[in-house]
Amino acid sequence: MTDLAQIMQQVRDEARRRGVRWTNQRQIIVEIFIASNDHVTAEELHHRVRSIDASVSAATVYRTINLLVEIGVAHKRHFSSGSASFESALTKNHHDHLVCMSCGVITEFVHEPLEIQQNEVAQAHGFQLLHHRMELYGMCRTCTARGATVPASAWHALTDR
Protein backbone atom coordinates (compact mmCIF):
# COMPACT_ATOMS: atom_id res chain seq x y z
CA MET A 1 0.00 0.00 0.00
CA THR A 2 1.38 3.38 -1.02
CA ASP A 3 1.02 6.45 1.18
CA LEU A 4 -1.50 9.17 0.31
CA ALA A 5 1.10 11.79 -0.69
CA GLN A 6 2.64 9.43 -3.27
CA ILE A 7 -0.77 8.43 -4.63
CA MET A 8 -1.85 12.06 -4.91
CA GLN A 9 1.36 12.99 -6.73
CA GLN A 10 0.93 10.11 -9.19
CA VAL A 11 -2.70 11.05 -9.86
CA ARG A 12 -1.81 14.75 -10.31
CA ASP A 13 1.04 13.89 -12.67
CA GLU A 14 -1.11 11.57 -14.76
CA ALA A 15 -4.00 14.05 -14.89
CA ARG A 16 -1.67 16.80 -16.08
CA ARG A 17 -0.08 14.44 -18.62
CA ARG A 18 -3.59 13.91 -20.01
CA GLY A 19 -4.21 17.66 -20.16
CA VAL A 20 -6.58 17.70 -17.20
CA ARG A 21 -6.30 20.84 -15.09
CA TRP A 22 -5.57 19.99 -11.46
CA THR A 23 -7.70 22.02 -9.06
CA ASN A 24 -8.34 22.13 -5.33
CA GLN A 25 -11.74 20.58 -6.05
CA ARG A 26 -10.16 17.60 -7.81
CA GLN A 27 -7.70 17.29 -4.94
CA ILE A 28 -10.56 17.08 -2.42
CA ILE A 29 -12.47 14.57 -4.56
CA VAL A 30 -9.48 12.26 -4.90
CA GLU A 31 -8.53 12.51 -1.22
CA ILE A 32 -12.07 11.68 -0.09
CA PHE A 33 -12.35 8.84 -2.58
CA ILE A 34 -9.06 7.25 -1.56
CA ALA A 35 -9.95 7.61 2.13
CA SER A 36 -13.27 5.82 1.50
CA ASN A 37 -13.11 2.23 2.56
CA ASP A 38 -16.38 1.30 0.91
CA HIS A 39 -18.08 1.10 -2.46
CA VAL A 40 -19.27 4.58 -3.29
CA THR A 41 -21.48 5.88 -6.09
CA ALA A 42 -20.63 9.14 -7.79
CA GLU A 43 -23.68 10.66 -6.09
CA GLU A 44 -22.48 9.52 -2.64
CA LEU A 45 -18.99 10.83 -3.36
CA HIS A 46 -20.46 14.17 -4.47
CA HIS A 47 -22.42 14.40 -1.22
CA ARG A 48 -19.27 13.69 0.84
CA VAL A 49 -17.22 16.21 -1.14
CA ARG A 50 -19.89 18.93 -0.80
CA SER A 51 -19.68 18.62 2.99
CA ILE A 52 -16.15 20.02 2.63
CA ASP A 53 -16.58 22.29 -0.41
CA ALA A 54 -20.16 23.14 -1.38
CA SER A 55 -19.03 24.61 -4.71
CA VAL A 56 -17.99 21.24 -6.20
CA SER A 57 -20.35 20.27 -9.01
CA ALA A 58 -21.61 16.78 -9.73
CA ALA A 59 -20.04 17.03 -13.19
CA THR A 60 -16.59 17.60 -11.65
CA VAL A 61 -17.05 14.55 -9.43
CA TYR A 62 -18.16 12.39 -12.40
CA ARG A 63 -15.25 13.55 -14.58
CA THR A 64 -12.75 13.01 -11.76
CA ILE A 65 -13.98 9.54 -10.78
CA ASN A 66 -13.95 8.47 -14.43
CA LEU A 67 -10.38 9.77 -14.73
CA LEU A 68 -9.46 7.66 -11.70
CA VAL A 69 -10.94 4.59 -13.42
CA GLU A 70 -9.04 5.35 -16.64
CA ILE A 71 -5.70 5.63 -14.86
CA GLY A 72 -6.25 2.55 -12.70
CA VAL A 73 -6.79 4.19 -9.32
CA ALA A 74 -10.45 3.16 -9.09
CA HIS A 75 -12.48 0.11 -10.08
CA LYS A 76 -15.94 0.68 -11.49
CA ARG A 77 -18.53 -1.92 -10.52
CA HIS A 78 -22.16 -2.46 -11.47
CA PHE A 79 -23.99 -4.30 -8.74
CA SER A 80 -27.75 -4.95 -8.65
CA SER A 81 -28.71 -1.34 -7.83
CA GLY A 82 -28.19 -0.23 -11.42
CA SER A 83 -25.92 2.66 -10.38
CA ALA A 84 -22.20 2.27 -10.85
CA SER A 85 -20.15 2.16 -7.70
CA PHE A 86 -16.45 2.71 -7.32
CA GLU A 87 -13.77 1.39 -5.00
CA SER A 88 -10.10 2.15 -4.63
CA ALA A 89 -7.76 -0.02 -6.67
CA LEU A 90 -4.80 1.10 -4.56
CA THR A 91 -5.81 0.63 -0.96
CA LYS A 92 -7.30 -2.87 -1.14
CA ASN A 93 -6.00 -6.27 -2.13
CA HIS A 94 -7.97 -8.52 -4.47
CA HIS A 95 -11.33 -9.57 -3.11
CA ASP A 96 -14.73 -10.73 -4.31
CA HIS A 97 -18.24 -9.58 -3.41
CA LEU A 98 -21.47 -10.87 -1.90
CA VAL A 99 -24.30 -8.53 -2.90
CA CYS A 100 -27.64 -8.48 -1.09
CA MET A 101 -30.36 -7.91 -3.65
CA SER A 102 -32.80 -6.83 -0.97
CA CYS A 103 -30.97 -4.15 1.03
CA GLY A 104 -27.98 -3.57 -1.26
CA VAL A 105 -25.28 -4.30 1.32
CA ILE A 106 -22.01 -5.41 -0.27
CA THR A 107 -19.77 -7.79 1.67
CA GLU A 108 -16.20 -8.24 0.55
CA PHE A 109 -14.57 -11.62 0.98
CA VAL A 110 -11.42 -13.58 0.14
CA HIS A 111 -11.58 -17.36 -0.01
CA GLU A 112 -8.19 -18.85 -0.88
CA PRO A 113 -9.45 -22.34 -1.85
CA LEU A 114 -11.76 -20.70 -4.39
CA GLU A 115 -8.90 -18.60 -5.77
CA ILE A 116 -6.83 -21.79 -6.19
CA GLN A 117 -9.71 -23.57 -7.94
CA GLN A 118 -10.16 -20.68 -10.38
CA ASN A 119 -6.48 -20.89 -11.30
CA GLU A 120 -6.75 -24.66 -11.70
CA VAL A 121 -9.77 -24.32 -14.02
CA ALA A 122 -7.96 -21.75 -16.15
CA GLN A 123 -4.84 -23.94 -16.32
CA ALA A 124 -6.87 -27.04 -17.24
CA HIS A 125 -8.27 -25.12 -20.23
CA GLY A 126 -4.90 -23.75 -21.27
CA PHE A 127 -6.09 -20.29 -20.33
CA GLN A 128 -3.73 -17.67 -18.95
CA LEU A 129 -5.74 -16.00 -16.20
CA LEU A 130 -4.89 -12.32 -15.84
CA HIS A 131 -7.74 -11.06 -13.70
CA HIS A 132 -11.14 -12.07 -12.50
CA ARG A 133 -14.10 -10.55 -10.74
CA MET A 134 -16.65 -12.51 -8.78
CA GLU A 135 -19.97 -11.16 -7.58
CA LEU A 136 -22.42 -13.46 -5.82
CA TYR A 137 -26.00 -12.22 -5.58
CA GLY A 138 -28.57 -13.25 -3.00
CA MET A 139 -29.85 -12.07 0.35
CA CYS A 140 -27.81 -11.24 3.43
CA ARG A 141 -28.40 -12.88 6.78
CA THR A 142 -30.36 -9.89 8.12
CA CYS A 143 -32.76 -9.72 5.15
CA THR A 144 -33.24 -13.49 5.18
CA ALA A 145 -34.02 -13.46 8.92
CA ARG A 146 -36.63 -10.72 8.53
CA GLY A 147 -38.27 -12.46 5.56
CA ALA A 148 -37.39 -9.73 3.08
CA THR A 149 -37.94 -10.20 -0.63
CA VAL A 150 -35.95 -9.08 -3.63
CA PRO A 151 -37.58 -6.17 -5.47
CA ALA A 152 -38.41 -6.91 -9.12
CA SER A 153 -36.29 -3.91 -10.13
CA ALA A 154 -33.21 -5.61 -8.64
CA TRP A 155 -33.82 -8.73 -10.71
CA HIS A 156 -34.28 -6.65 -13.86
CA ALA A 157 -31.11 -4.63 -13.21
CA LEU A 158 -29.18 -7.85 -12.75
CA THR A 159 -30.55 -9.74 -15.76
CA ASP A 160 -30.63 -6.79 -18.19
CA ARG A 161 -26.84 -6.49 -18.36
C-alpha atoms as a PDB file:
ATOM      1  CA  MET A   1       0.000   0.000   0.000  1.00  0.00           C
ATOM      2  CA  THR A   2       1.379   3.383  -1.015  1.00  0.00           C
ATOM      3  CA  ASP A   3       1.018   6.452   1.181  1.00  0.00           C
ATOM      4  CA  LEU A   4      -1.500   9.173   0.314  1.00  0.00           C
ATOM      5  CA  ALA A   5       1.096  11.791  -0.692  1.00  0.00           C
ATOM      6  CA  GLN A   6       2.637   9.433  -3.271  1.00  0.00           C
ATOM      7  CA  ILE A   7      -0.771   8.429  -4.629  1.00  0.00           C
ATOM      8  CA  MET A   8      -1.852  12.059  -4.910  1.00  0.00           C
ATOM      9  CA  GLN A   9       1.359  12.986  -6.728  1.00  0.00           C
ATOM     10  CA  GLN A  10       0.930  10.113  -9.186  1.00  0.00           C
ATOM     11  CA  VAL A  11      -2.703  11.054  -9.856  1.00  0.00           C
ATOM     12  CA  ARG A  12      -1.809  14.746 -10.308  1.00  0.00           C
ATOM     13  CA  ASP A  13       1.040  13.893 -12.674  1.00  0.00           C
ATOM     14  CA  GLU A  14      -1.111  11.567 -14.756  1.00  0.00           C
ATOM     15  CA  ALA A  15      -3.999  14.054 -14.887  1.00  0.00           C
ATOM     16  CA  ARG A  16      -1.668  16.799 -16.082  1.00  0.00           C
ATOM     17  CA  ARG A  17      -0.082  14.441 -18.618  1.00  0.00           C
ATOM     18  CA  ARG A  18      -3.594  13.909 -20.014  1.00  0.00           C
ATOM     19  CA  GLY A  19      -4.207  17.656 -20.163  1.00  0.00           C
ATOM     20  CA  VAL A  20      -6.581  17.696 -17.197  1.00  0.00           C
ATOM     21  CA  ARG A  21      -6.295  20.843 -15.091  1.00  0.00           C
ATOM     22  CA  TRP A  22      -5.574  19.988 -11.459  1.00  0.00           C
ATOM     23  CA  THR A  23      -7.698  22.025  -9.062  1.00  0.00           C
ATOM     24  CA  ASN A  24      -8.337  22.131  -5.327  1.00  0.00           C
ATOM     25  CA  GLN A  25     -11.741  20.582  -6.049  1.00  0.00           C
ATOM     26  CA  ARG A  26     -10.163  17.603  -7.811  1.00  0.00           C
ATOM     27  CA  GLN A  27      -7.697  17.288  -4.943  1.00  0.00           C
ATOM     28  CA  ILE A  28     -10.555  17.080  -2.422  1.00  0.00           C
ATOM     29  CA  ILE A  29     -12.473  14.567  -4.561  1.00  0.00           C
ATOM     30  CA  VAL A  30      -9.479  12.257  -4.901  1.00  0.00           C
ATOM     31  CA  GLU A  31      -8.533  12.513  -1.219  1.00  0.00           C
ATOM     32  CA  ILE A  32     -12.070  11.678  -0.088  1.00  0.00           C
ATOM     33  CA  PHE A  33     -12.351   8.837  -2.579  1.00  0.00           C
ATOM     34  CA  ILE A  34      -9.059   7.248  -1.558  1.00  0.00           C
ATOM     35  CA  ALA A  35      -9.950   7.609   2.134  1.00  0.00           C
ATOM     36  CA  SER A  36     -13.273   5.823   1.504  1.00  0.00           C
ATOM     37  CA  ASN A  37     -13.114   2.231   2.557  1.00  0.00           C
ATOM     38  CA  ASP A  38     -16.379   1.299   0.910  1.00  0.00           C
ATOM     39  CA  HIS A  39     -18.076   1.102  -2.455  1.00  0.00           C
ATOM     40  CA  VAL A  40     -19.266   4.583  -3.290  1.00  0.00           C
ATOM     41  CA  THR A  41     -21.482   5.877  -6.091  1.00  0.00           C
ATOM     42  CA  ALA A  42     -20.627   9.142  -7.793  1.00  0.00           C
ATOM     43  CA  GLU A  43     -23.680  10.660  -6.091  1.00  0.00           C
ATOM     44  CA  GLU A  44     -22.482   9.523  -2.642  1.00  0.00           C
ATOM     45  CA  LEU A  45     -18.993  10.826  -3.358  1.00  0.00           C
ATOM     46  CA  HIS A  46     -20.465  14.166  -4.472  1.00  0.00           C
ATOM     47  CA  HIS A  47     -22.416  14.398  -1.217  1.00  0.00           C
ATOM     48  CA  ARG A  48     -19.273  13.692   0.836  1.00  0.00           C
ATOM     49  CA  VAL A  49     -17.224  16.207  -1.136  1.00  0.00           C
ATOM     50  CA  ARG A  50     -19.890  18.932  -0.796  1.00  0.00           C
ATOM     51  CA  SER A  51     -19.682  18.624   2.986  1.00  0.00           C
ATOM     52  CA  ILE A  52     -16.152  20.020   2.626  1.00  0.00           C
ATOM     53  CA  ASP A  53     -16.579  22.291  -0.412  1.00  0.00           C
ATOM     54  CA  ALA A  54     -20.158  23.137  -1.375  1.00  0.00           C
ATOM     55  CA  SER A  55     -19.032  24.609  -4.710  1.00  0.00           C
ATOM     56  CA  VAL A  56     -17.989  21.243  -6.203  1.00  0.00           C
ATOM     57  CA  SER A  57     -20.349  20.274  -9.010  1.00  0.00           C
ATOM     58  CA  ALA A  58     -21.612  16.779  -9.729  1.00  0.00           C
ATOM     59  CA  ALA A  59     -20.040  17.035 -13.189  1.00  0.00           C
ATOM     60  CA  THR A  60     -16.590  17.598 -11.652  1.00  0.00           C
ATOM     61  CA  VAL A  61     -17.053  14.546  -9.435  1.00  0.00           C
ATOM     62  CA  TYR A  62     -18.161  12.392 -12.404  1.00  0.00           C
ATOM     63  CA  ARG A  63     -15.245  13.547 -14.578  1.00  0.00           C
ATOM     64  CA  THR A  64     -12.749  13.014 -11.761  1.00  0.00           C
ATOM     65  CA  ILE A  65     -13.982   9.545 -10.776  1.00  0.00           C
ATOM     66  CA  ASN A  66     -13.952   8.471 -14.433  1.00  0.00           C
ATOM     67  CA  LEU A  67     -10.383   9.775 -14.732  1.00  0.00           C
ATOM     68  CA  LEU A  68      -9.455   7.658 -11.696  1.00  0.00           C
ATOM     69  CA  VAL A  69     -10.935   4.595 -13.422  1.00  0.00           C
ATOM     70  CA  GLU A  70      -9.037   5.353 -16.641  1.00  0.00           C
ATOM     71  CA  ILE A  71      -5.704   5.634 -14.861  1.00  0.00           C
ATOM     72  CA  GLY A  72      -6.253   2.549 -12.700  1.00  0.00           C
ATOM     73  CA  VAL A  73      -6.790   4.193  -9.323  1.00  0.00           C
ATOM     74  CA  ALA A  74     -10.453   3.160  -9.090  1.00  0.00           C
ATOM     75  CA  HIS A  75     -12.480   0.115 -10.081  1.00  0.00           C
ATOM     76  CA  LYS A  76     -15.945   0.683 -11.494  1.00  0.00           C
ATOM     77  CA  ARG A  77     -18.530  -1.924 -10.525  1.00  0.00           C
ATOM     78  CA  HIS A  78     -22.156  -2.458 -11.469  1.00  0.00           C
ATOM     79  CA  PHE A  79     -23.993  -4.297  -8.737  1.00  0.00           C
ATOM     80  CA  SER A  80     -27.746  -4.946  -8.651  1.00  0.00           C
ATOM     81  CA  SER A  81     -28.710  -1.343  -7.830  1.00  0.00           C
ATOM     82  CA  GLY A  82     -28.191  -0.234 -11.421  1.00  0.00           C
ATOM     83  CA  SER A  83     -25.923   2.662 -10.378  1.00  0.00           C
ATOM     84  CA  ALA A  84     -22.202   2.266 -10.854  1.00  0.00           C
ATOM     85  CA  SER A  85     -20.154   2.158  -7.696  1.00  0.00           C
ATOM     86  CA  PHE A  86     -16.452   2.706  -7.316  1.00  0.00           C
ATOM     87  CA  GLU A  87     -13.767   1.390  -5.003  1.00  0.00           C
ATOM     88  CA  SER A  88     -10.102   2.146  -4.634  1.00  0.00           C
ATOM     89  CA  ALA A  89      -7.763  -0.020  -6.675  1.00  0.00           C
ATOM     90  CA  LEU A  90      -4.803   1.103  -4.556  1.00  0.00           C
ATOM     91  CA  THR A  91      -5.808   0.628  -0.958  1.00  0.00           C
ATOM     92  CA  LYS A  92      -7.302  -2.869  -1.141  1.00  0.00           C
ATOM     93  CA  ASN A  93      -6.003  -6.267  -2.133  1.00  0.00           C
ATOM     94  CA  HIS A  94      -7.969  -8.517  -4.474  1.00  0.00           C
ATOM     95  CA  HIS A  95     -11.335  -9.567  -3.108  1.00  0.00           C
ATOM     96  CA  ASP A  96     -14.726 -10.731  -4.308  1.00  0.00           C
ATOM     97  CA  HIS A  97     -18.235  -9.581  -3.409  1.00  0.00           C
ATOM     98  CA  LEU A  98     -21.469 -10.871  -1.896  1.00  0.00           C
ATOM     99  CA  VAL A  99     -24.301  -8.531  -2.904  1.00  0.00           C
ATOM    100  CA  CYS A 100     -27.643  -8.478  -1.086  1.00  0.00           C
ATOM    101  CA  MET A 101     -30.359  -7.914  -3.649  1.00  0.00           C
ATOM    102  CA  SER A 102     -32.804  -6.831  -0.966  1.00  0.00           C
ATOM    103  CA  CYS A 103     -30.971  -4.147   1.030  1.00  0.00           C
ATOM    104  CA  GLY A 104     -27.976  -3.570  -1.258  1.00  0.00           C
ATOM    105  CA  VAL A 105     -25.275  -4.301   1.320  1.00  0.00           C
ATOM    106  CA  ILE A 106     -22.005  -5.412  -0.269  1.00  0.00           C
ATOM    107  CA  THR A 107     -19.772  -7.792   1.671  1.00  0.00           C
ATOM    108  CA  GLU A 108     -16.196  -8.240   0.545  1.00  0.00           C
ATOM    109  CA  PHE A 109     -14.567 -11.622   0.985  1.00  0.00           C
ATOM    110  CA  VAL A 110     -11.425 -13.580   0.140  1.00  0.00           C
ATOM    111  CA  HIS A 111     -11.580 -17.359  -0.012  1.00  0.00           C
ATOM    112  CA  GLU A 112      -8.190 -18.847  -0.880  1.00  0.00           C
ATOM    113  CA  PRO A 113      -9.445 -22.342  -1.854  1.00  0.00           C
ATOM    114  CA  LEU A 114     -11.763 -20.701  -4.392  1.00  0.00           C
ATOM    115  CA  GLU A 115      -8.903 -18.598  -5.774  1.00  0.00           C
ATOM    116  CA  ILE A 116      -6.835 -21.791  -6.190  1.00  0.00           C
ATOM    117  CA  GLN A 117      -9.710 -23.566  -7.944  1.00  0.00           C
ATOM    118  CA  GLN A 118     -10.161 -20.683 -10.379  1.00  0.00           C
ATOM    119  CA  ASN A 119      -6.484 -20.887 -11.297  1.00  0.00           C
ATOM    120  CA  GLU A 120      -6.748 -24.663 -11.701  1.00  0.00           C
ATOM    121  CA  VAL A 121      -9.770 -24.315 -14.015  1.00  0.00           C
ATOM    122  CA  ALA A 122      -7.957 -21.749 -16.151  1.00  0.00           C
ATOM    123  CA  GLN A 123      -4.845 -23.935 -16.316  1.00  0.00           C
ATOM    124  CA  ALA A 124      -6.874 -27.042 -17.242  1.00  0.00           C
ATOM    125  CA  HIS A 125      -8.270 -25.121 -20.226  1.00  0.00           C
ATOM    126  CA  GLY A 126      -4.899 -23.754 -21.275  1.00  0.00           C
ATOM    127  CA  PHE A 127      -6.087 -20.286 -20.329  1.00  0.00           C
ATOM    128  CA  GLN A 128      -3.727 -17.674 -18.947  1.00  0.00           C
ATOM    129  CA  LEU A 129      -5.745 -15.997 -16.197  1.00  0.00           C
ATOM    130  CA  LEU A 130      -4.885 -12.322 -15.840  1.00  0.00           C
ATOM    131  CA  HIS A 131      -7.738 -11.063 -13.700  1.00  0.00           C
ATOM    132  CA  HIS A 132     -11.143 -12.070 -12.497  1.00  0.00           C
ATOM    133  CA  ARG A 133     -14.102 -10.549 -10.740  1.00  0.00           C
ATOM    134  CA  MET A 134     -16.654 -12.512  -8.778  1.00  0.00           C
ATOM    135  CA  GLU A 135     -19.974 -11.165  -7.577  1.00  0.00           C
ATOM    136  CA  LEU A 136     -22.418 -13.459  -5.821  1.00  0.00           C
ATOM    137  CA  TYR A 137     -26.005 -12.215  -5.584  1.00  0.00           C
ATOM    138  CA  GLY A 138     -28.567 -13.255  -2.997  1.00  0.00           C
ATOM    139  CA  MET A 139     -29.848 -12.072   0.353  1.00  0.00           C
ATOM    140  CA  CYS A 140     -27.815 -11.242   3.429  1.00  0.00           C
ATOM    141  CA  ARG A 141     -28.400 -12.881   6.781  1.00  0.00           C
ATOM    142  CA  THR A 142     -30.365  -9.886   8.121  1.00  0.00           C
ATOM    143  CA  CYS A 143     -32.756  -9.724   5.152  1.00  0.00           C
ATOM    144  CA  THR A 144     -33.245 -13.488   5.184  1.00  0.00           C
ATOM    145  CA  ALA A 145     -34.023 -13.456   8.918  1.00  0.00           C
ATOM    146  CA  ARG A 146     -36.628 -10.720   8.527  1.00  0.00           C
ATOM    147  CA  GLY A 147     -38.266 -12.459   5.561  1.00  0.00           C
ATOM    148  CA  ALA A 148     -37.390  -9.726   3.079  1.00  0.00           C
ATOM    149  CA  THR A 149     -37.937 -10.204  -0.632  1.00  0.00           C
ATOM    150  CA  VAL A 150     -35.954  -9.080  -3.627  1.00  0.00           C
ATOM    151  CA  PRO A 151     -37.577  -6.172  -5.472  1.00  0.00           C
ATOM    152  CA  ALA A 152     -38.413  -6.911  -9.116  1.00  0.00           C
ATOM    153  CA  SER A 153     -36.289  -3.912 -10.129  1.00  0.00           C
ATOM    154  CA  ALA A 154     -33.207  -5.606  -8.636  1.00  0.00           C
ATOM    155  CA  TRP A 155     -33.815  -8.728 -10.712  1.00  0.00           C
ATOM    156  CA  HIS A 156     -34.278  -6.645 -13.862  1.00  0.00           C
ATOM    157  CA  ALA A 157     -31.114  -4.630 -13.211  1.00  0.00           C
ATOM    158  CA  LEU A 158     -29.179  -7.853 -12.746  1.00  0.00           C
ATOM    159  CA  THR A 159     -30.551  -9.743 -15.764  1.00  0.00           C
ATOM    160  CA  ASP A 160     -30.629  -6.794 -18.191  1.00  0.00           C
ATOM    161  CA  ARG A 161     -26.839  -6.492 -18.363  1.00  0.00           C
END
